[in-house]
Amino acid sequence: SEPAAFGLCQAPGHHAGEDFLGGQCYLNNAAI
């Protein structure tokens, strides 16, 4: 129940799809 938290993600994720990588992204952190 923290009001907010920050994930210092490296590598980034938002270009990675269900079955593809791209834009230096491999796993989609936000979707996960």
PDB file of all heavy atoms in Angstrom:
ATOM      1  N   SER A   1       0.813  -1.228   0.000  1.00  0.00           N
ATOM      2  CA  SER A   1       0.000   0.000   0.000  1.00  0.00           C
ATOM      3  C   SER A   1       0.842   1.271   0.000  1.00  0.00           C
ATOM      4  O   SER A   1       0.438   2.296   0.557  1.00  0.00           O
ATOM      5  CB  SER A   1      -0.958   0.000   1.195  1.00  0.00           C
ATOM      6  OG  SER A   1      -1.850  -1.095   1.121  1.00  0.00           O
ATOM      7  N   GLU A   2       2.021   1.207  -0.611  1.00  0.00           N
ATOM      8  CA  GLU A   2       2.779   2.434  -0.833  1.00  0.00           C
ATOM      9  C   GLU A   2       2.017   3.277  -1.858  1.00  0.00           C
ATOM     10  O   GLU A   2       1.467   2.745  -2.817  1.00  0.00           O
ATOM     11  CB  GLU A   2       4.170   2.115  -1.370  1.00  0.00           C
ATOM     12  CG  GLU A   2       5.044   1.295  -0.445  1.00  0.00           C
ATOM     13  CD  GLU A   2       5.649   2.121   0.673  1.00  0.00           C
ATOM     14  OE1 GLU A   2       5.439   3.355   0.669  1.00  0.00           O
ATOM     15  OE2 GLU A   2       6.316   1.536   1.536  1.00  0.00           O
ATOM     16  N   PRO A   3       1.968   4.596  -1.677  1.00  0.00           N
ATOM     17  CA  PRO A   3       1.267   5.420  -2.667  1.00  0.00           C
ATOM     18  C   PRO A   3       1.936   5.410  -4.032  1.00  0.00           C
ATOM     19  O   PRO A   3       1.288   5.589  -5.058  1.00  0.00           O
ATOM     20  CB  PRO A   3       1.274   6.818  -2.057  1.00  0.00           C
ATOM     21  CG  PRO A   3       2.431   6.798  -1.093  1.00  0.00           C
ATOM     22  CD  PRO A   3       2.495   5.396  -0.567  1.00  0.00           C
ATOM     23  N   ALA A   4       3.264   5.181  -4.035  1.00  0.00           N
ATOM     24  CA  ALA A   4       4.004   5.145  -5.291  1.00  0.00           C
ATOM     25  C   ALA A   4       5.327   4.437  -5.067  1.00  0.00           C
ATOM     26  O   ALA A   4       5.843   4.385  -3.944  1.00  0.00           O
ATOM     27  CB  ALA A   4       4.246   6.555  -5.827  1.00  0.00           C
ATOM     28  N   ALA A   5       5.868   3.894  -6.137  1.00  0.00           N
ATOM     29  CA  ALA A   5       7.206   3.298  -6.115  1.00  0.00           C
ATOM     30  C   ALA A   5       7.831   3.492  -7.483  1.00  0.00           C
ATOM     31  O   ALA A   5       7.139   3.559  -8.499  1.00  0.00           O
ATOM     32  CB  ALA A   5       7.140   1.818  -5.746  1.00  0.00           C
ATOM     33  N   PHE A   6       9.146   3.564  -7.496  1.00  0.00           N
ATOM     34  CA  PHE A   6       9.893   3.772  -8.732  1.00  0.00           C
ATOM     35  C   PHE A   6      10.771   2.564  -9.007  1.00  0.00           C
ATOM     36  O   PHE A   6      11.563   2.163  -8.155  1.00  0.00           O
ATOM     37  CB  PHE A   6      10.752   5.037  -8.614  1.00  0.00           C
ATOM     38  CG  PHE A   6      11.784   5.187  -9.707  1.00  0.00           C
ATOM     39  CD1 PHE A   6      11.410   5.207 -11.045  1.00  0.00           C
ATOM     40  CD2 PHE A   6      13.134   5.315  -9.397  1.00  0.00           C
ATOM     41  CE1 PHE A   6      12.352   5.346 -12.051  1.00  0.00           C
ATOM     42  CE2 PHE A   6      14.089   5.468 -10.387  1.00  0.00           C
ATOM     43  CZ  PHE A   6      13.698   5.475 -11.725  1.00  0.00           C
ATOM     44  N   GLY A   7      10.632   1.980 -10.193  1.00  0.00           N
ATOM     45  CA  GLY A   7      11.474   0.875 -10.618  1.00  0.00           C
ATOM     46  C   GLY A   7      12.558   1.375 -11.551  1.00  0.00           C
ATOM     47  O   GLY A   7      12.264   1.854 -12.655  1.00  0.00           O
ATOM     48  N   LEU A   8      13.811   1.249 -11.125  1.00  0.00           N
ATOM     49  CA  LEU A   8      14.942   1.700 -11.927  1.00  0.00           C
ATOM     50  C   LEU A   8      15.291   0.578 -12.896  1.00  0.00           C
ATOM     51  O   LEU A   8      16.205  -0.209 -12.666  1.00  0.00           O
ATOM     52  CB  LEU A   8      16.128   2.044 -11.016  1.00  0.00           C
ATOM     53  CG  LEU A   8      17.136   3.072 -11.505  1.00  0.00           C
ATOM     54  CD1 LEU A   8      18.195   3.332 -10.440  1.00  0.00           C
ATOM     55  CD2 LEU A   8      17.795   2.694 -12.808  1.00  0.00           C
ATOM     56  N   CYS A   9      14.537   0.517 -13.973  1.00  0.00           N
ATOM     57  CA  CYS A   9      14.626  -0.601 -14.915  1.00  0.00           C
ATOM     58  C   CYS A   9      15.719  -0.372 -15.956  1.00  0.00           C
ATOM     59  O   CYS A   9      15.758   0.653 -16.622  1.00  0.00           O
ATOM     60  CB  CYS A   9      13.289  -0.788 -15.640  1.00  0.00           C
ATOM     61  SG  CYS A   9      11.944  -1.275 -14.553  1.00  0.00           S
ATOM     62  N   GLN A  10      16.574  -1.355 -16.088  1.00  0.00           N
ATOM     63  CA  GLN A  10      17.595  -1.353 -17.135  1.00  0.00           C
ATOM     64  C   GLN A  10      17.842  -2.812 -17.506  1.00  0.00           C
ATOM     65  O   GLN A  10      18.301  -3.576 -16.689  1.00  0.00           O
ATOM     66  CB  GLN A  10      18.891  -0.718 -16.641  1.00  0.00           C
ATOM     67  CG  GLN A  10      19.931  -0.636 -17.758  1.00  0.00           C
ATOM     68  CD  GLN A  10      21.094   0.292 -17.433  1.00  0.00           C
ATOM     69  OE1 GLN A  10      20.907   1.382 -16.919  1.00  0.00           O
ATOM     70  NE2 GLN A  10      22.289  -0.141 -17.719  1.00  0.00           N
ATOM     71  N   ALA A  11      17.416  -3.243 -18.661  1.00  0.00           N
ATOM     72  CA  ALA A  11      17.024  -2.520 -19.859  1.00  0.00           C
ATOM     73  C   ALA A  11      15.574  -2.010 -19.780  1.00  0.00           C
ATOM     74  O   ALA A  11      14.784  -2.502 -18.987  1.00  0.00           O
ATOM     75  CB  ALA A  11      17.146  -3.459 -21.076  1.00  0.00           C
ATOM     76  N   PRO A  12      15.237  -1.021 -20.665  1.00  0.00           N
ATOM     77  CA  PRO A  12      13.856  -0.569 -20.768  1.00  0.00           C
ATOM     78  C   PRO A  12      12.983  -1.646 -21.393  1.00  0.00           C
ATOM     79  O   PRO A  12      13.463  -2.741 -21.706  1.00  0.00           O
ATOM     80  CB  PRO A  12      13.968   0.670 -21.667  1.00  0.00           C
ATOM     81  CG  PRO A  12      15.169   0.403 -22.516  1.00  0.00           C
ATOM     82  CD  PRO A  12      16.121  -0.352 -21.629  1.00  0.00           C
ATOM     83  N   GLY A  13      11.680  -1.348 -21.589  1.00  0.00           N
ATOM     84  CA  GLY A  13      10.820  -2.420 -22.035  1.00  0.00           C
ATOM     85  C   GLY A  13       9.718  -2.109 -23.026  1.00  0.00           C
ATOM     86  O   GLY A  13       9.190  -3.018 -23.657  1.00  0.00           O
ATOM     87  N   HIS A  14       9.319  -0.844 -23.213  1.00  0.00           N
ATOM     88  CA  HIS A  14       8.043  -0.595 -23.873  1.00  0.00           C
ATOM     89  C   HIS A  14       8.020  -0.885 -25.374  1.00  0.00           C
ATOM     90  O   HIS A  14       6.949  -0.905 -25.974  1.00  0.00           O
ATOM     91  CB  HIS A  14       7.532   0.822 -23.582  1.00  0.00           C
ATOM     92  CG  HIS A  14       8.328   1.932 -24.213  1.00  0.00           C
ATOM     93  ND1 HIS A  14       7.776   3.174 -24.402  1.00  0.00           N
ATOM     94  CD2 HIS A  14       9.603   2.002 -24.668  1.00  0.00           C
ATOM     95  CE1 HIS A  14       8.678   3.967 -24.953  1.00  0.00           C
ATOM     96  NE2 HIS A  14       9.799   3.273 -25.122  1.00  0.00           N
ATOM     97  N   HIS A  15       9.166  -1.132 -25.995  1.00  0.00           N
ATOM     98  CA  HIS A  15       9.169  -1.534 -27.405  1.00  0.00           C
ATOM     99  C   HIS A  15       9.066  -3.047 -27.580  1.00  0.00           C
ATOM    100  O   HIS A  15       8.842  -3.522 -28.697  1.00  0.00           O
ATOM    101  CB  HIS A  15      10.446  -1.039 -28.101  1.00  0.00           C
ATOM    102  CG  HIS A  15      10.552   0.448 -28.199  1.00  0.00           C
ATOM    103  ND1 HIS A  15       9.569   1.234 -28.765  1.00  0.00           N
ATOM    104  CD2 HIS A  15      11.538   1.303 -27.793  1.00  0.00           C
ATOM    105  CE1 HIS A  15       9.932   2.501 -28.700  1.00  0.00           C
ATOM    106  NE2 HIS A  15      11.121   2.568 -28.114  1.00  0.00           N
ATOM    107  N   ALA A  16       9.239  -3.818 -26.533  1.00  0.00           N
ATOM    108  CA  ALA A  16       9.189  -5.276 -26.627  1.00  0.00           C
ATOM    109  C   ALA A  16       7.741  -5.754 -26.631  1.00  0.00           C
ATOM    110  O   ALA A  16       6.930  -5.349 -25.797  1.00  0.00           O
ATOM    111  CB  ALA A  16       9.936  -5.909 -25.455  1.00  0.00           C
ATOM    112  N   GLY A  17       7.408  -6.627 -27.592  1.00  0.00           N
ATOM    113  CA  GLY A  17       6.065  -7.165 -27.687  1.00  0.00           C
ATOM    114  C   GLY A  17       5.982  -8.559 -27.104  1.00  0.00           C
ATOM    115  O   GLY A  17       6.920  -9.062 -26.483  1.00  0.00           O
ATOM    116  N   GLU A  18       4.849  -9.188 -27.324  1.00  0.00           N
ATOM    117  CA  GLU A  18       4.651 -10.538 -26.805  1.00  0.00           C
ATOM    118  C   GLU A  18       5.743 -11.486 -27.274  1.00  0.00           C
ATOM    119  O   GLU A  18       6.224 -12.328 -26.503  1.00  0.00           O
ATOM    120  CB  GLU A  18       3.278 -11.066 -27.243  1.00  0.00           C
ATOM    121  CG  GLU A  18       3.007 -12.484 -26.809  1.00  0.00           C
ATOM    122  CD  GLU A  18       1.720 -13.035 -27.385  1.00  0.00           C
ATOM    123  OE1 GLU A  18       1.062 -12.331 -28.177  1.00  0.00           O
ATOM    124  OE2 GLU A  18       1.365 -14.181 -27.049  1.00  0.00           O
ATOM    125  N   ASP A  19       6.146 -11.367 -28.538  1.00  0.00           N
ATOM    126  CA  ASP A  19       7.137 -12.298 -29.083  1.00  0.00           C
ATOM    127  C   ASP A  19       8.178 -11.593 -29.936  1.00  0.00           C
ATOM    128  O   ASP A  19       8.649 -12.137 -30.925  1.00  0.00           O
ATOM    129  CB  ASP A  19       6.450 -13.407 -29.874  1.00  0.00           C
ATOM    130  CG  ASP A  19       5.700 -12.888 -31.094  1.00  0.00           C
ATOM    131  OD1 ASP A  19       5.558 -11.645 -31.239  1.00  0.00           O
ATOM    132  OD2 ASP A  19       5.261 -13.710 -31.911  1.00  0.00           O
ATOM    133  N   PHE A  20       8.564 -10.397 -29.555  1.00  0.00           N
ATOM    134  CA  PHE A  20       9.642  -9.729 -30.291  1.00  0.00           C
ATOM    135  C   PHE A  20      10.352  -8.706 -29.411  1.00  0.00           C
ATOM    136  O   PHE A  20       9.786  -8.165 -28.463  1.00  0.00           O
ATOM    137  CB  PHE A  20       9.121  -9.053 -31.565  1.00  0.00           C
ATOM    138  CG  PHE A  20       8.111  -7.963 -31.336  1.00  0.00           C
ATOM    139  CD1 PHE A  20       8.501  -6.658 -31.047  1.00  0.00           C
ATOM    140  CD2 PHE A  20       6.755  -8.228 -31.454  1.00  0.00           C
ATOM    141  CE1 PHE A  20       7.570  -5.648 -30.860  1.00  0.00           C
ATOM    142  CE2 PHE A  20       5.808  -7.227 -31.277  1.00  0.00           C
ATOM    143  CZ  PHE A  20       6.228  -5.935 -30.977  1.00  0.00           C
ATOM    144  N   LEU A  21      11.623  -8.475 -29.754  1.00  0.00           N
ATOM    145  CA  LEU A  21      12.448  -7.470 -29.109  1.00  0.00           C
ATOM    146  C   LEU A  21      12.645  -6.307 -30.070  1.00  0.00           C
ATOM    147  O   LEU A  21      12.430  -6.419 -31.271  1.00  0.00           O
ATOM    148  CB  LEU A  21      13.789  -8.069 -28.696  1.00  0.00           C
ATOM    149  CG  LEU A  21      14.634  -8.745 -29.794  1.00  0.00           C
ATOM    150  CD1 LEU A  21      15.570  -7.759 -30.487  1.00  0.00           C
ATOM    151  CD2 LEU A  21      15.440  -9.902 -29.217  1.00  0.00           C
ATOM    152  N   GLY A  22      13.065  -5.172 -29.546  1.00  0.00           N
ATOM    153  CA  GLY A  22      13.327  -4.008 -30.381  1.00  0.00           C
ATOM    154  C   GLY A  22      13.576  -2.783 -29.535  1.00  0.00           C
ATOM    155  O   GLY A  22      13.188  -2.731 -28.364  1.00  0.00           O
ATOM    156  N   GLY A  23      14.216  -1.782 -30.121  1.00  0.00           N
ATOM    157  CA  GLY A  23      14.445  -0.528 -29.412  1.00  0.00           C
ATOM    158  C   GLY A  23      15.218  -0.702 -28.123  1.00  0.00           C
ATOM    159  O   GLY A  23      14.945  -0.001 -27.132  1.00  0.00           O
ATOM    160  N   GLN A  24      16.171  -1.628 -28.094  1.00  0.00           N
ATOM    161  CA  GLN A  24      16.927  -1.986 -26.893  1.00  0.00           C
ATOM    162  C   GLN A  24      16.040  -2.514 -25.768  1.00  0.00           C
ATOM    163  O   GLN A  24      16.387  -2.426 -24.589  1.00  0.00           O
ATOM    164  CB  GLN A  24      17.773  -0.810 -26.383  1.00  0.00           C
ATOM    165  CG  GLN A  24      18.953  -0.458 -27.270  1.00  0.00           C
ATOM    166  CD  GLN A  24      18.587   0.498 -28.379  1.00  0.00           C
ATOM    167  OE1 GLN A  24      17.998   1.538 -28.139  1.00  0.00           O
ATOM    168  NE2 GLN A  24      18.936   0.162 -29.592  1.00  0.00           N
ATOM    169  N   CYS A  25      14.878  -3.058 -26.124  1.00  0.00           N
ATOM    170  CA  CYS A  25      13.938  -3.630 -25.164  1.00  0.00           C
ATOM    171  C   CYS A  25      13.771  -5.120 -25.439  1.00  0.00           C
ATOM    172  O   CYS A  25      13.621  -5.524 -26.604  1.00  0.00           O
ATOM    173  CB  CYS A  25      12.577  -2.947 -25.271  1.00  0.00           C
ATOM    174  SG  CYS A  25      12.598  -1.156 -24.970  1.00  0.00           S
ATOM    175  N   TYR A  26      13.736  -5.917 -24.378  1.00  0.00           N
ATOM    176  CA  TYR A  26      13.662  -7.369 -24.513  1.00  0.00           C
ATOM    177  C   TYR A  26      12.448  -7.949 -23.801  1.00  0.00           C
ATOM    178  O   TYR A  26      11.778  -8.836 -24.330  1.00  0.00           O
ATOM    179  CB  TYR A  26      14.940  -8.005 -23.968  1.00  0.00           C
ATOM    180  CG  TYR A  26      16.182  -7.477 -24.647  1.00  0.00           C
ATOM    181  CD1 TYR A  26      16.849  -6.362 -24.143  1.00  0.00           C
ATOM    182  CD2 TYR A  26      16.666  -8.063 -25.813  1.00  0.00           C
ATOM    183  CE1 TYR A  26      17.974  -5.855 -24.775  1.00  0.00           C
ATOM    184  CE2 TYR A  26      17.794  -7.565 -26.453  1.00  0.00           C
ATOM    185  CZ  TYR A  26      18.434  -6.453 -25.932  1.00  0.00           C
ATOM    186  OH  TYR A  26      19.541  -5.942 -26.576  1.00  0.00           O
ATOM    187  N   LEU A  27      12.179  -7.476 -22.602  1.00  0.00           N
ATOM    188  CA  LEU A  27      10.988  -7.851 -21.848  1.00  0.00           C
ATOM    189  C   LEU A  27      10.228  -6.577 -21.522  1.00  0.00           C
ATOM    190  O   LEU A  27      10.825  -5.562 -21.150  1.00  0.00           O
ATOM    191  CB  LEU A  27      11.357  -8.584 -20.552  1.00  0.00           C
ATOM    192  CG  LEU A  27      12.106  -9.912 -20.714  1.00  0.00           C
ATOM    193  CD1 LEU A  27      12.541 -10.440 -19.354  1.00  0.00           C
ATOM    194  CD2 LEU A  27      11.258 -10.946 -21.445  1.00  0.00           C
ATOM    195  N   ASN A  28       8.899  -6.616 -21.650  1.00  0.00           N
ATOM    196  CA  ASN A  28       8.118  -5.396 -21.483  1.00  0.00           C
ATOM    197  C   ASN A  28       7.782  -5.196 -20.011  1.00  0.00           C
ATOM    198  O   ASN A  28       6.822  -5.741 -19.480  1.00  0.00           O
ATOM    199  CB  ASN A  28       6.846  -5.466 -22.331  1.00  0.00           C
ATOM    200  CG  ASN A  28       6.192  -4.105 -22.460  1.00  0.00           C
ATOM    201  OD1 ASN A  28       5.924  -3.444 -21.460  1.00  0.00           O
ATOM    202  ND2 ASN A  28       5.950  -3.676 -23.689  1.00  0.00           N
ATOM    203  N   ASN A  29       8.593  -4.386 -19.344  1.00  0.00           N
ATOM    204  CA  ASN A  29       8.474  -4.201 -17.903  1.00  0.00           C
ATOM    205  C   ASN A  29       7.110  -3.653 -17.488  1.00  0.00           C
ATOM    206  O   ASN A  29       6.514  -4.121 -16.507  1.00  0.00           O
ATOM    207  CB  ASN A  29       9.574  -3.262 -17.414  1.00  0.00           C
ATOM    208  CG  ASN A  29      10.957  -3.747 -17.778  1.00  0.00           C
ATOM    209  OD1 ASN A  29      11.288  -4.905 -17.586  1.00  0.00           O
ATOM    210  ND2 ASN A  29      11.775  -2.857 -18.335  1.00  0.00           N
ATOM    211  N   ALA A  30       6.603  -2.657 -18.208  1.00  0.00           N
ATOM    212  CA  ALA A  30       5.319  -2.058 -17.855  1.00  0.00           C
ATOM    213  C   ALA A  30       4.187  -3.057 -18.013  1.00  0.00           C
ATOM    214  O   ALA A  30       3.290  -3.148 -17.168  1.00  0.00           O
ATOM    215  CB  ALA A  30       5.058  -0.821 -18.713  1.00  0.00           C
ATOM    216  N   ALA A  31       4.215  -3.821 -19.098  1.00  0.00           N
ATOM    217  CA  ALA A  31       3.169  -4.819 -19.319  1.00  0.00           C
ATOM    218  C   ALA A  31       3.241  -5.924 -18.276  1.00  0.00           C
ATOM    219  O   ALA A  31       2.209  -6.404 -17.776  1.00  0.00           O
ATOM    220  CB  ALA A  31       3.297  -5.402 -20.725  1.00  0.00           C
ATOM    221  N   ILE A  32       4.451  -6.358 -17.936  1.00  0.00           N
ATOM    222  CA  ILE A  32       4.619  -7.406 -16.931  1.00  0.00           C
ATOM    223  C   ILE A  32       4.098  -6.930 -15.579  1.00  0.00           C
ATOM    224  O   ILE A  32       3.410  -7.671 -14.866  1.00  0.00           O
ATOM    225  CB  ILE A  32       6.103  -7.818 -16.855  1.00  0.00           C
ATOM    226  CG1 ILE A  32       6.492  -8.578 -18.128  1.00  0.00           C
ATOM    227  CG2 ILE A  32       6.379  -8.662 -15.619  1.00  0.00           C
ATOM    228  CD1 ILE A  32       7.993  -8.772 -18.301  1.00  0.00           C
TER     229      ILE A  32
END
